[in-house]
Structures are given as C-alpha cells and as structure tokens.
Amino acid sequence: MKIKAAIIGSGNIGTDLMIKIMRTSNILEMSVMVGIDPESDGLARAKRMGAAVTHEGIDGLLKMSEWEDIKIVFDATSAKAHHYNFDKIKAFPDKKVVDLTPAAIGPYVIPAVSFDKDFNFDLDLDLSNVNMVTCGGQATIPMVAAVSRVAKVHYGEIVASIASKSAGPGTRANIDEFTETTSEAIEKVGRATRGKAIIILNPAEPPLVMRDTVFTLSEMADQEKIRESIHAMVAEVQQYVPGYSLHQEVQFEEIPADKPVFIEGVGHVSGLKTSVLLQVVGAGHYLPEYAGNLDIMTSAAMATGERMVG
C-alpha cells in the first residue's frame, strides 16, 4: 500500500507537487490538500482529483479523520507559516515533514548530494523535519558539491533567474530568506567555505525557462576531473528532474598566485574558477514548462519524501 501524504499550501508549488504525486509516485498517495483560501484553484483542483481538502490551514487538517493515517506532510506555505505549522505537527512523533519553505528548521536536503554516501553525507531519514532549501539551491548546489568532490572550494556564488510569472506570493514574500538560506546551504551542503546567492525575477515576455549560473573558486585541480564530476552530478539530478541540463559546457579560468582575488570572510585566494550555466525546463504538470523553478523544488521534495518513508 502507498503511504498517505498531505500538502499544506494550495498555491503554485503545493498544487504542482500534488499533481506530481498523483501522476508519478509509486510510493506516496495524495490524501489531503490544505489551504486557507476556500476559493483557491489548488483546493478546487484537489477536490476534483479526489483528494480531501480543508481551507482551515493546519488546524483544519488536525481535525480531519484522514490525519491519523497520514505519515508525511509537505509544507509549501511560507517560512513564517511553517514555524506555526510545525509547532502543531511535532506533537505527533509518527509524522514526518518535508519543508519546501526557507524556514530551515530541519537540515538541508539536496537529493543528488545529501543521499550520496561517497560524499560522506549520511542523512538521518528518521528526522521529523527536513528542509528543501530553495529552488535556486536545488538547481545550483549540486554543481558546487560536484566541484567540492574534486577540490576544496573557497567560494561558491549562484545566480538563479526565474520567470516572474512563476513566482507566486510565497516566493515573493521570502526573497530575503531565499538568499540567506541558499547561501548557508552552499556552505553546509555544497561544502564551500563561503557562499553567496542571488535571485532574479525575470519579467521577459514570453517567459523564459529557469536559468542558473554557478561560479566556484577552488584550489587548483585537474579540470577534466571537475568536468567529469559535474556531468555525473547533472545525470544524478536528472534522475528526478528530467528537464535539468547544462546550458553551456563548463568553463574554467586560472587565478594565478601573484594575482589573487579577495573574498570577504575568506581573504585573498588564487586557484581555479569554474563557471557552470544551467537551465531547468519544467514537466508542465501544473504550470507551463518555463516554471522549472517549481518543478525542481517539487520533484526534489517528492524524491526526499519517498526516501523518508520508503
């Protein structure tokens, strides 16, 4: 039998995740969609597709008969709302939570990296709460980690550009948390000494697919080994995000010892600069293909949830 799941948040991300679970998961079963707007499209769509619904938030979910059988909860609300929601859920030790907000109560999870035991990540899947970082983090931190597998990374910087139309109210309300959470995860998961994150909401018409740029400054290393590590990591991410790909071939630039660059918090460093350009095309489960930022977030969350209860 499949494991019953609930989703809190009936916006773009929550609705996309719901449809993905219903259409593609062999492990999870969609049980309840939770929102706060009785007129939301997400709740209406969930009801049409056979899921139970409540517009009374987490408090409404806890009153439902379905709550007893639910084993995993995906929170696709906001950082502030997640703190409130988890305070309620943590009273039930048999429930696990996958947090798609930047609240970062639990440890960061990037499936391609966090489940790679060769990279010395042994994630405790018995944890009650794990955090999916951000859409930009899911797309770019695997590339920082790929370089880190070969050479020590002094600095990792990512720029995530997403279509303005794919950024809902939750995303827009969490811009500060996005940069802080992603920067921290570059260091904790990507293993860079220093991390920096930038997000751009691109208003172009027609909307452009998600594009990400990753810069790392590492110790000098074999460029071919770094390239191979990056290509291998791309293949790992594609296992759960088929629309993930390199937009251009990996580029390198040597920073000589007599012309080091200054990095705040690190100092003057030389070595190898690696530039990786990515794009993420969405599966189109709920929003158009340009919304790759939603697709990588929901795909990573579902892959994580399946590992936690599988």
C-alpha atoms as a PDB file:
ATOM      1  CA  MET A   1       0.000   0.000   0.000  1.00  0.00           C
ATOM      2  CA  LYS A   2       1.097   3.542  -0.702  1.00  0.00           C
ATOM      3  CA  ILE A   3       1.997   5.956   2.121  1.00  0.00           C
ATOM      4  CA  LYS A   4      -0.593   8.680   2.654  1.00  0.00           C
ATOM      5  CA  ALA A   5       0.596  12.280   2.327  1.00  0.00           C
ATOM      6  CA  ALA A   6      -0.804  15.734   2.990  1.00  0.00           C
ATOM      7  CA  ILE A   7       0.236  19.031   1.437  1.00  0.00           C
ATOM      8  CA  ILE A   8      -0.110  22.331   3.262  1.00  0.00           C
ATOM      9  CA  GLY A   9      -0.277  25.219   0.813  1.00  0.00           C
ATOM     10  CA  SER A  10      -2.636  25.236  -2.157  1.00  0.00           C
ATOM     11  CA  GLY A  11      -0.629  27.703  -4.248  1.00  0.00           C
ATOM     12  CA  ASN A  12       1.594  27.037  -7.263  1.00  0.00           C
ATOM     13  CA  ILE A  13       4.148  24.828  -5.526  1.00  0.00           C
ATOM     14  CA  GLY A  14       1.662  22.823  -3.479  1.00  0.00           C
ATOM     15  CA  THR A  15      -0.608  22.210  -6.471  1.00  0.00           C
ATOM     16  CA  ASP A  16       2.279  21.180  -8.708  1.00  0.00           C
ATOM     17  CA  LEU A  17       3.501  18.762  -6.028  1.00  0.00           C
ATOM     18  CA  MET A  18       0.024  17.303  -5.611  1.00  0.00           C
ATOM     19  CA  ILE A  19      -0.301  16.553  -9.316  1.00  0.00           C
ATOM     20  CA  LYS A  20       3.218  15.112  -9.427  1.00  0.00           C
ATOM     21  CA  ILE A  21       2.449  12.729  -6.547  1.00  0.00           C
ATOM     22  CA  MET A  22      -0.831  11.657  -8.120  1.00  0.00           C
ATOM     23  CA  ARG A  23       0.645  11.060 -11.566  1.00  0.00           C
ATOM     24  CA  THR A  24       4.146   9.758 -10.920  1.00  0.00           C
ATOM     25  CA  SER A  25       4.732   8.433  -7.398  1.00  0.00           C
ATOM     26  CA  ASN A  26       4.756   4.695  -6.791  1.00  0.00           C
ATOM     27  CA  ILE A  27       5.229   5.227  -3.050  1.00  0.00           C
ATOM     28  CA  LEU A  28       3.082   8.183  -1.982  1.00  0.00           C
ATOM     29  CA  GLU A  29      -0.684   8.628  -2.105  1.00  0.00           C
ATOM     30  CA  MET A  30      -2.236  12.081  -2.031  1.00  0.00           C
ATOM     31  CA  SER A  31      -4.654  12.249   0.920  1.00  0.00           C
ATOM     32  CA  VAL A  32      -5.362  15.877   1.928  1.00  0.00           C
ATOM     33  CA  MET A  33      -4.713  19.287   0.380  1.00  0.00           C
ATOM     34  CA  VAL A  34      -4.658  22.092   2.950  1.00  0.00           C
ATOM     35  CA  GLY A  35      -5.159  25.784   2.227  1.00  0.00           C
ATOM     36  CA  ILE A  36      -6.517  28.961   3.764  1.00  0.00           C
ATOM     37  CA  ASP A  37      -8.449  30.361   0.780  1.00  0.00           C
ATOM     38  CA  PRO A  38     -11.651  28.408   0.107  1.00  0.00           C
ATOM     39  CA  GLU A  39     -11.708  29.822  -3.422  1.00  0.00           C
ATOM     40  CA  SER A  40      -8.154  28.814  -4.351  1.00  0.00           C
ATOM     41  CA  ASP A  41      -7.600  26.910  -7.581  1.00  0.00           C
ATOM     42  CA  GLY A  42      -5.408  24.413  -5.751  1.00  0.00           C
ATOM     43  CA  LEU A  43      -8.162  23.331  -3.376  1.00  0.00           C
ATOM     44  CA  ALA A  44     -10.724  23.160  -6.175  1.00  0.00           C
ATOM     45  CA  ARG A  45      -8.388  21.088  -8.324  1.00  0.00           C
ATOM     46  CA  ALA A  46      -7.545  18.755  -5.411  1.00  0.00           C
ATOM     47  CA  LYS A  47     -11.243  18.143  -4.757  1.00  0.00           C
ATOM     48  CA  ARG A  48     -11.868  17.384  -8.432  1.00  0.00           C
ATOM     49  CA  MET A  49      -8.962  14.926  -8.429  1.00  0.00           C
ATOM     50  CA  GLY A  50     -10.300  13.005  -5.445  1.00  0.00           C
ATOM     51  CA  ALA A  51      -8.275  14.360  -2.515  1.00  0.00           C
ATOM     52  CA  ALA A  52      -9.831  15.539   0.734  1.00  0.00           C
ATOM     53  CA  VAL A  53      -9.499  19.291   1.306  1.00  0.00           C
ATOM     54  CA  THR A  54      -9.666  21.884   4.075  1.00  0.00           C
ATOM     55  CA  HIS A  55      -9.405  25.660   3.883  1.00  0.00           C
ATOM     56  CA  GLU A  56      -8.757  25.972   7.649  1.00  0.00           C
ATOM     57  CA  GLY A  57      -4.975  25.505   7.498  1.00  0.00           C
ATOM     58  CA  ILE A  58      -3.082  23.149   9.784  1.00  0.00           C
ATOM     59  CA  ASP A  59      -5.779  23.415  12.458  1.00  0.00           C
ATOM     60  CA  GLY A  60      -8.335  22.128   9.973  1.00  0.00           C
ATOM     61  CA  LEU A  61      -6.056  19.249   8.979  1.00  0.00           C
ATOM     62  CA  LEU A  62      -5.621  18.125  12.575  1.00  0.00           C
ATOM     63  CA  LYS A  63      -9.401  17.839  12.947  1.00  0.00           C
ATOM     64  CA  MET A  64      -9.838  15.629   9.881  1.00  0.00           C
ATOM     65  CA  SER A  65     -10.317  11.857  10.150  1.00  0.00           C
ATOM     66  CA  GLU A  66      -7.629  11.417   7.461  1.00  0.00           C
ATOM     67  CA  TRP A  67      -4.971  12.878   9.778  1.00  0.00           C
ATOM     68  CA  GLU A  68      -4.469   9.612  11.655  1.00  0.00           C
ATOM     69  CA  ASP A  69      -3.303   7.731   8.561  1.00  0.00           C
ATOM     70  CA  ILE A  70      -1.088  10.457   7.120  1.00  0.00           C
ATOM     71  CA  LYS A  71       2.608   9.678   7.551  1.00  0.00           C
ATOM     72  CA  ILE A  72       4.264  12.555   5.718  1.00  0.00           C
ATOM     73  CA  VAL A  73       3.365  16.230   5.367  1.00  0.00           C
ATOM     74  CA  PHE A  74       4.755  18.561   2.722  1.00  0.00           C
ATOM     75  CA  ASP A  75       4.677  22.248   3.717  1.00  0.00           C
ATOM     76  CA  ALA A  76       4.550  24.582   0.712  1.00  0.00           C
ATOM     77  CA  THR A  77       3.458  27.754   2.501  1.00  0.00           C
ATOM     78  CA  SER A  78       5.941  30.373   3.718  1.00  0.00           C
ATOM     79  CA  ALA A  79       8.834  30.480   6.177  1.00  0.00           C
ATOM     80  CA  LYS A  80       6.716  32.219   8.811  1.00  0.00           C
ATOM     81  CA  ALA A  81       3.755  29.890   8.355  1.00  0.00           C
ATOM     82  CA  HIS A  82       5.972  26.813   8.539  1.00  0.00           C
ATOM     83  CA  HIS A  83       7.075  27.665  12.081  1.00  0.00           C
ATOM     84  CA  TYR A  84       3.427  27.769  13.129  1.00  0.00           C
ATOM     85  CA  ASN A  85       2.583  24.586  11.250  1.00  0.00           C
ATOM     86  CA  PHE A  86       5.493  22.562  12.585  1.00  0.00           C
ATOM     87  CA  ASP A  87       4.780  23.624  16.152  1.00  0.00           C
ATOM     88  CA  LYS A  88       1.467  21.791  15.716  1.00  0.00           C
ATOM     89  CA  ILE A  89       2.762  18.772  13.782  1.00  0.00           C
ATOM     90  CA  LYS A  90       5.715  17.982  16.051  1.00  0.00           C
ATOM     91  CA  ALA A  91       3.290  16.848  18.748  1.00  0.00           C
ATOM     92  CA  PHE A  92       2.734  13.765  16.554  1.00  0.00           C
ATOM     93  CA  PRO A  93       6.015  11.789  16.517  1.00  0.00           C
ATOM     94  CA  ASP A  94       4.813   9.407  13.791  1.00  0.00           C
ATOM     95  CA  LYS A  95       4.569  12.238  11.224  1.00  0.00           C
ATOM     96  CA  LYS A  96       7.460  13.375   9.047  1.00  0.00           C
ATOM     97  CA  VAL A  97       7.670  16.826   7.458  1.00  0.00           C
ATOM     98  CA  VAL A  98       9.285  17.942   4.214  1.00  0.00           C
ATOM     99  CA  ASP A  99       9.635  21.716   4.347  1.00  0.00           C
ATOM    100  CA  LEU A 100       9.565  23.487   0.965  1.00  0.00           C
ATOM    101  CA  THR A 101       9.871  26.943   2.555  1.00  0.00           C
ATOM    102  CA  PRO A 102      13.126  28.708   3.528  1.00  0.00           C
ATOM    103  CA  ALA A 103      12.323  28.265   7.247  1.00  0.00           C
ATOM    104  CA  ALA A 104      15.185  25.755   7.615  1.00  0.00           C
ATOM    105  CA  ILE A 105      14.110  24.230  10.921  1.00  0.00           C
ATOM    106  CA  GLY A 106      15.497  20.853   9.881  1.00  0.00           C
ATOM    107  CA  PRO A 107      18.700  20.003   7.973  1.00  0.00           C
ATOM    108  CA  TYR A 108      19.083  20.980   4.332  1.00  0.00           C
ATOM    109  CA  VAL A 109      18.454  18.258   1.750  1.00  0.00           C
ATOM    110  CA  ILE A 110      19.574  18.240  -1.879  1.00  0.00           C
ATOM    111  CA  PRO A 111      18.754  14.677  -3.013  1.00  0.00           C
ATOM    112  CA  ALA A 112      21.621  14.269  -5.507  1.00  0.00           C
ATOM    113  CA  VAL A 113      24.093  15.387  -2.837  1.00  0.00           C
ATOM    114  CA  SER A 114      22.565  14.501   0.519  1.00  0.00           C
ATOM    115  CA  PHE A 115      21.953  10.858  -0.414  1.00  0.00           C
ATOM    116  CA  ASP A 116      25.450  10.429  -1.896  1.00  0.00           C
ATOM    117  CA  LYS A 117      27.296   8.367   0.706  1.00  0.00           C
ATOM    118  CA  ASP A 118      30.520   8.700  -1.286  1.00  0.00           C
ATOM    119  CA  PHE A 119      30.331  12.414  -0.455  1.00  0.00           C
ATOM    120  CA  ASN A 120      30.119  11.475   3.234  1.00  0.00           C
ATOM    121  CA  PHE A 121      26.533  12.610   3.679  1.00  0.00           C
ATOM    122  CA  ASP A 122      24.630  10.110   5.804  1.00  0.00           C
ATOM    123  CA  LEU A 123      21.290  11.829   6.244  1.00  0.00           C
ATOM    124  CA  ASP A 124      19.200  10.590   9.153  1.00  0.00           C
ATOM    125  CA  LEU A 125      15.907   9.781   7.465  1.00  0.00           C
ATOM    126  CA  ASP A 126      14.279   9.320  10.875  1.00  0.00           C
ATOM    127  CA  LEU A 127      14.353  13.073  11.360  1.00  0.00           C
ATOM    128  CA  SER A 128      10.930  14.643  11.791  1.00  0.00           C
ATOM    129  CA  ASN A 129      11.669  17.697   9.633  1.00  0.00           C
ATOM    130  CA  VAL A 130      13.939  18.248   6.634  1.00  0.00           C
ATOM    131  CA  ASN A 131      14.311  21.390   4.547  1.00  0.00           C
ATOM    132  CA  MET A 132      14.437  21.588   0.756  1.00  0.00           C
ATOM    133  CA  VAL A 133      16.463  24.841   0.752  1.00  0.00           C
ATOM    134  CA  THR A 134      15.148  26.838  -2.246  1.00  0.00           C
ATOM    135  CA  CYS A 135      14.544  26.306  -5.960  1.00  0.00           C
ATOM    136  CA  GLY A 136      17.829  28.054  -6.716  1.00  0.00           C
ATOM    137  CA  GLY A 137      19.603  25.905  -4.153  1.00  0.00           C
ATOM    138  CA  GLN A 138      18.197  22.690  -5.594  1.00  0.00           C
ATOM    139  CA  ALA A 139      19.430  23.672  -9.055  1.00  0.00           C
ATOM    140  CA  THR A 140      22.866  25.027  -8.218  1.00  0.00           C
ATOM    141  CA  ILE A 141      24.238  23.442  -5.041  1.00  0.00           C
ATOM    142  CA  PRO A 142      24.773  20.079  -6.789  1.00  0.00           C
ATOM    143  CA  MET A 143      27.271  21.870  -9.037  1.00  0.00           C
ATOM    144  CA  VAL A 144      29.141  23.361  -6.067  1.00  0.00           C
ATOM    145  CA  ALA A 145      29.235  19.905  -4.494  1.00  0.00           C
ATOM    146  CA  ALA A 146      30.480  18.406  -7.764  1.00  0.00           C
ATOM    147  CA  VAL A 147      33.492  20.711  -7.673  1.00  0.00           C
ATOM    148  CA  SER A 148      33.969  20.031  -3.948  1.00  0.00           C
ATOM    149  CA  ARG A 149      34.275  16.312  -4.682  1.00  0.00           C
ATOM    150  CA  VAL A 150      37.470  17.115  -6.588  1.00  0.00           C
ATOM    151  CA  ALA A 151      38.963  20.193  -4.906  1.00  0.00           C
ATOM    152  CA  LYS A 152      38.418  22.398  -1.866  1.00  0.00           C
ATOM    153  CA  VAL A 153      36.003  25.202  -2.777  1.00  0.00           C
ATOM    154  CA  HIS A 154      36.860  28.549  -1.206  1.00  0.00           C
ATOM    155  CA  TYR A 155      33.841  30.395  -2.609  1.00  0.00           C
ATOM    156  CA  GLY A 156      30.590  29.473  -4.311  1.00  0.00           C
ATOM    157  CA  GLU A 157      28.245  32.026  -5.868  1.00  0.00           C
ATOM    158  CA  ILE A 158      24.944  31.257  -7.568  1.00  0.00           C
ATOM    159  CA  VAL A 159      22.570  33.420  -9.593  1.00  0.00           C
ATOM    160  CA  ALA A 160      19.085  32.000 -10.136  1.00  0.00           C
ATOM    161  CA  SER A 161      16.918  33.642 -12.791  1.00  0.00           C
ATOM    162  CA  ILE A 162      13.268  32.602 -12.861  1.00  0.00           C
ATOM    163  CA  ALA A 163      10.262  33.795 -14.843  1.00  0.00           C
ATOM    164  CA  SER A 164       8.369  36.448 -12.932  1.00  0.00           C
ATOM    165  CA  LYS A 165       5.105  34.673 -13.768  1.00  0.00           C
ATOM    166  CA  SER A 166       6.271  31.551 -11.936  1.00  0.00           C
ATOM    167  CA  ALA A 167       6.938  33.423  -8.684  1.00  0.00           C
ATOM    168  CA  GLY A 168       3.836  33.385  -6.524  1.00  0.00           C
ATOM    169  CA  PRO A 169       3.120  35.399  -3.357  1.00  0.00           C
ATOM    170  CA  GLY A 170       5.036  32.939  -1.167  1.00  0.00           C
ATOM    171  CA  THR A 171       8.182  33.204  -3.269  1.00  0.00           C
ATOM    172  CA  ARG A 172       7.989  36.977  -3.370  1.00  0.00           C
ATOM    173  CA  ALA A 173       7.457  37.203   0.381  1.00  0.00           C
ATOM    174  CA  ASN A 174      10.534  35.068   1.024  1.00  0.00           C
ATOM    175  CA  ILE A 175      13.185  36.805  -1.096  1.00  0.00           C
ATOM    176  CA  ASP A 176      15.374  37.649   1.922  1.00  0.00           C
ATOM    177  CA  GLU A 177      15.030  34.150   3.309  1.00  0.00           C
ATOM    178  CA  PHE A 178      15.874  32.772  -0.151  1.00  0.00           C
ATOM    179  CA  THR A 179      19.257  34.479  -0.250  1.00  0.00           C
ATOM    180  CA  GLU A 180      20.104  33.655   3.367  1.00  0.00           C
ATOM    181  CA  THR A 181      19.021  30.019   3.218  1.00  0.00           C
ATOM    182  CA  THR A 182      20.641  29.333  -0.147  1.00  0.00           C
ATOM    183  CA  SER A 183      23.912  30.986   0.878  1.00  0.00           C
ATOM    184  CA  GLU A 184      24.074  28.893   4.029  1.00  0.00           C
ATOM    185  CA  ALA A 185      23.266  25.681   2.149  1.00  0.00           C
ATOM    186  CA  ILE A 186      26.047  26.396  -0.377  1.00  0.00           C
ATOM    187  CA  GLU A 187      28.390  26.137   2.577  1.00  0.00           C
ATOM    188  CA  LYS A 188      26.753  23.297   4.522  1.00  0.00           C
ATOM    189  CA  VAL A 189      25.741  21.034   1.631  1.00  0.00           C
ATOM    190  CA  GLY A 190      27.960  22.261  -1.206  1.00  0.00           C
ATOM    191  CA  ARG A 191      30.940  22.470   1.159  1.00  0.00           C
ATOM    192  CA  ALA A 192      32.135  25.888   0.047  1.00  0.00           C
ATOM    193  CA  THR A 193      33.963  27.931   2.666  1.00  0.00           C
ATOM    194  CA  ARG A 194      31.861  30.930   1.689  1.00  0.00           C
ATOM    195  CA  GLY A 195      28.574  31.071  -0.208  1.00  0.00           C
ATOM    196  CA  LYS A 196      26.512  33.794  -1.858  1.00  0.00           C
ATOM    197  CA  ALA A 197      23.118  33.605  -3.573  1.00  0.00           C
ATOM    198  CA  ILE A 198      21.229  36.000  -5.844  1.00  0.00           C
ATOM    199  CA  ILE A 199      17.726  35.583  -7.283  1.00  0.00           C
ATOM    200  CA  ILE A 200      16.346  37.449 -10.295  1.00  0.00           C
ATOM    201  CA  LEU A 201      12.657  37.585 -11.201  1.00  0.00           C
ATOM    202  CA  ASN A 202      12.777  37.945 -14.981  1.00  0.00           C
ATOM    203  CA  PRO A 203       9.738  39.820 -16.393  1.00  0.00           C
ATOM    204  CA  ALA A 204      10.504  38.881 -20.025  1.00  0.00           C
ATOM    205  CA  GLU A 205       7.600  38.022 -22.335  1.00  0.00           C
ATOM    206  CA  PRO A 206       7.217  35.319 -23.379  1.00  0.00           C
ATOM    207  CA  PRO A 207       8.519  33.930 -20.065  1.00  0.00           C
ATOM    208  CA  LEU A 208      11.963  32.323 -20.109  1.00  0.00           C
ATOM    209  CA  VAL A 209      12.805  28.989 -18.546  1.00  0.00           C
ATOM    210  CA  MET A 210      14.773  28.902 -15.298  1.00  0.00           C
ATOM    211  CA  ARG A 211      18.436  29.723 -15.872  1.00  0.00           C
ATOM    212  CA  ASP A 212      21.133  29.380 -13.225  1.00  0.00           C
ATOM    213  CA  THR A 213      24.770  30.401 -13.142  1.00  0.00           C
ATOM    214  CA  VAL A 214      27.228  28.865 -10.704  1.00  0.00           C
ATOM    215  CA  PHE A 215      30.700  30.234 -10.012  1.00  0.00           C
ATOM    216  CA  THR A 216      33.183  28.448  -7.782  1.00  0.00           C
ATOM    217  CA  LEU A 217      36.715  29.391  -6.816  1.00  0.00           C
ATOM    218  CA  SER A 218      38.605  26.323  -5.687  1.00  0.00           C
ATOM    219  CA  GLU A 219      42.094  25.086  -5.171  1.00  0.00           C
ATOM    220  CA  MET A 220      43.897  24.312  -8.403  1.00  0.00           C
ATOM    221  CA  ALA A 221      42.777  20.923  -9.685  1.00  0.00           C
ATOM    222  CA  ASP A 222      42.512  18.715 -12.756  1.00  0.00           C
ATOM    223  CA  GLN A 223      39.949  20.454 -14.976  1.00  0.00           C
ATOM    224  CA  GLU A 224      38.908  17.239 -16.680  1.00  0.00           C
ATOM    225  CA  LYS A 225      38.138  15.604 -13.316  1.00  0.00           C
ATOM    226  CA  ILE A 226      35.976  18.582 -12.337  1.00  0.00           C
ATOM    227  CA  ARG A 227      34.184  18.455 -15.689  1.00  0.00           C
ATOM    228  CA  GLU A 228      33.530  14.731 -15.265  1.00  0.00           C
ATOM    229  CA  SER A 229      32.244  15.270 -11.714  1.00  0.00           C
ATOM    230  CA  ILE A 230      29.863  17.993 -12.921  1.00  0.00           C
ATOM    231  CA  HIS A 231      28.496  15.861 -15.766  1.00  0.00           C
ATOM    232  CA  ALA A 232      27.997  12.942 -13.374  1.00  0.00           C
ATOM    233  CA  MET A 233      26.127  15.193 -10.941  1.00  0.00           C
ATOM    234  CA  VAL A 234      23.894  16.529 -13.735  1.00  0.00           C
ATOM    235  CA  ALA A 235      22.958  12.932 -14.524  1.00  0.00           C
ATOM    236  CA  GLU A 236      22.118  12.333 -10.841  1.00  0.00           C
ATOM    237  CA  VAL A 237      19.780  15.336 -10.713  1.00  0.00           C
ATOM    238  CA  GLN A 238      18.152  14.261 -13.981  1.00  0.00           C
ATOM    239  CA  GLN A 239      17.033  11.063 -12.255  1.00  0.00           C
ATOM    240  CA  TYR A 240      14.301  13.085 -10.534  1.00  0.00           C
ATOM    241  CA  VAL A 241      14.288  16.304 -12.632  1.00  0.00           C
ATOM    242  CA  PRO A 242      14.409  15.238 -16.308  1.00  0.00           C
ATOM    243  CA  GLY A 243      14.373  18.862 -17.531  1.00  0.00           C
ATOM    244  CA  TYR A 244      17.661  19.697 -15.746  1.00  0.00           C
ATOM    245  CA  SER A 245      20.639  20.252 -18.056  1.00  0.00           C
ATOM    246  CA  LEU A 246      23.814  22.179 -18.771  1.00  0.00           C
ATOM    247  CA  HIS A 247      23.058  25.226 -20.904  1.00  0.00           C
ATOM    248  CA  GLN A 248      26.709  25.513 -21.983  1.00  0.00           C
ATOM    249  CA  GLU A 249      29.853  23.489 -21.494  1.00  0.00           C
ATOM    250  CA  VAL A 250      31.754  24.027 -18.244  1.00  0.00           C
ATOM    251  CA  GLN A 251      34.241  26.915 -18.363  1.00  0.00           C
ATOM    252  CA  PHE A 252      37.499  27.339 -16.436  1.00  0.00           C
ATOM    253  CA  GLU A 253      39.804  30.239 -15.602  1.00  0.00           C
ATOM    254  CA  GLU A 254      43.027  30.002 -13.629  1.00  0.00           C
ATOM    255  CA  ILE A 255      43.615  32.680 -10.967  1.00  0.00           C
ATOM    256  CA  PRO A 256      47.430  32.907 -10.547  1.00  0.00           C
ATOM    257  CA  ALA A 257      49.059  33.145  -7.130  1.00  0.00           C
ATOM    258  CA  ASP A 258      50.517  36.563  -7.930  1.00  0.00           C
ATOM    259  CA  LYS A 259      47.040  37.944  -8.794  1.00  0.00           C
ATOM    260  CA  PRO A 260      44.732  36.571  -6.095  1.00  0.00           C
ATOM    261  CA  VAL A 261      41.172  37.789  -5.601  1.00  0.00           C
ATOM    262  CA  PHE A 262      39.781  38.969  -2.285  1.00  0.00           C
ATOM    263  CA  ILE A 263      36.751  37.173  -0.858  1.00  0.00           C
ATOM    264  CA  GLU A 264      35.103  38.588   2.223  1.00  0.00           C
ATOM    265  CA  GLY A 265      35.353  36.133   5.071  1.00  0.00           C
ATOM    266  CA  VAL A 266      37.999  34.100   3.279  1.00  0.00           C
ATOM    267  CA  GLY A 267      40.769  36.512   2.314  1.00  0.00           C
ATOM    268  CA  HIS A 268      42.976  36.627  -0.775  1.00  0.00           C
ATOM    269  CA  VAL A 269      42.849  33.377  -2.726  1.00  0.00           C
ATOM    270  CA  SER A 270      44.073  32.019  -6.019  1.00  0.00           C
ATOM    271  CA  GLY A 271      43.254  28.792  -7.805  1.00  0.00           C
ATOM    272  CA  LEU A 272      40.662  27.673 -10.353  1.00  0.00           C
ATOM    273  CA  LYS A 273      37.442  29.470 -11.240  1.00  0.00           C
ATOM    274  CA  THR A 274      34.754  27.161 -12.598  1.00  0.00           C
ATOM    275  CA  SER A 275      31.635  28.526 -14.306  1.00  0.00           C
ATOM    276  CA  VAL A 276      28.568  26.363 -14.842  1.00  0.00           C
ATOM    277  CA  LEU A 277      25.481  27.508 -16.753  1.00  0.00           C
ATOM    278  CA  LEU A 278      22.278  25.527 -16.237  1.00  0.00           C
ATOM    279  CA  GLN A 279      18.684  25.526 -17.328  1.00  0.00           C
ATOM    280  CA  VAL A 280      15.661  23.788 -15.851  1.00  0.00           C
ATOM    281  CA  VAL A 281      12.630  23.064 -18.024  1.00  0.00           C
ATOM    282  CA  GLY A 282       9.547  22.119 -16.059  1.00  0.00           C
ATOM    283  CA  ALA A 283       7.496  18.979 -16.636  1.00  0.00           C
ATOM    284  CA  GLY A 284       4.365  21.071 -17.113  1.00  0.00           C
ATOM    285  CA  HIS A 285       2.313  19.191 -14.524  1.00  0.00           C
ATOM    286  CA  TYR A 286       0.536  22.355 -13.356  1.00  0.00           C
ATOM    287  CA  LEU A 287       2.243  25.425 -14.767  1.00  0.00           C
ATOM    288  CA  PRO A 288       3.939  25.805 -18.178  1.00  0.00           C
ATOM    289  CA  GLU A 289       7.400  24.426 -18.872  1.00  0.00           C
ATOM    290  CA  TYR A 290       9.068  27.775 -18.124  1.00  0.00           C
ATOM    291  CA  ALA A 291       8.332  27.215 -14.424  1.00  0.00           C
ATOM    292  CA  GLY A 292      11.352  24.963 -13.918  1.00  0.00           C
ATOM    293  CA  ASN A 293      11.879  26.559 -10.513  1.00  0.00           C
ATOM    294  CA  LEU A 294       8.651  24.928  -9.342  1.00  0.00           C
ATOM    295  CA  ASP A 295       9.416  21.622 -10.994  1.00  0.00           C
ATOM    296  CA  ILE A 296      12.847  21.174  -9.430  1.00  0.00           C
ATOM    297  CA  MET A 297      11.518  22.074  -5.990  1.00  0.00           C
ATOM    298  CA  THR A 298       8.531  19.743  -6.096  1.00  0.00           C
ATOM    299  CA  SER A 299      10.499  16.942  -7.766  1.00  0.00           C
ATOM    300  CA  ALA A 300      13.225  17.142  -5.118  1.00  0.00           C
ATOM    301  CA  ALA A 301      10.637  17.246  -2.340  1.00  0.00           C
ATOM    302  CA  MET A 302       8.832  14.191  -3.652  1.00  0.00           C
ATOM    303  CA  ALA A 303      12.109  12.276  -4.067  1.00  0.00           C
ATOM    304  CA  THR A 304      13.032  13.162  -0.482  1.00  0.00           C
ATOM    305  CA  GLY A 305       9.642  12.235   0.916  1.00  0.00           C
ATOM    306  CA  GLU A 306       9.771   8.872  -0.836  1.00  0.00           C
ATOM    307  CA  ARG A 307      13.179   8.163   0.711  1.00  0.00           C
ATOM    308  CA  MET A 308      11.958   9.150   4.179  1.00  0.00           C
ATOM    309  CA  VAL A 309       9.007   6.774   4.189  1.00  0.00           C
ATOM    310  CA  GLY A 310      10.121   4.150   1.668  1.00  0.00           C
END
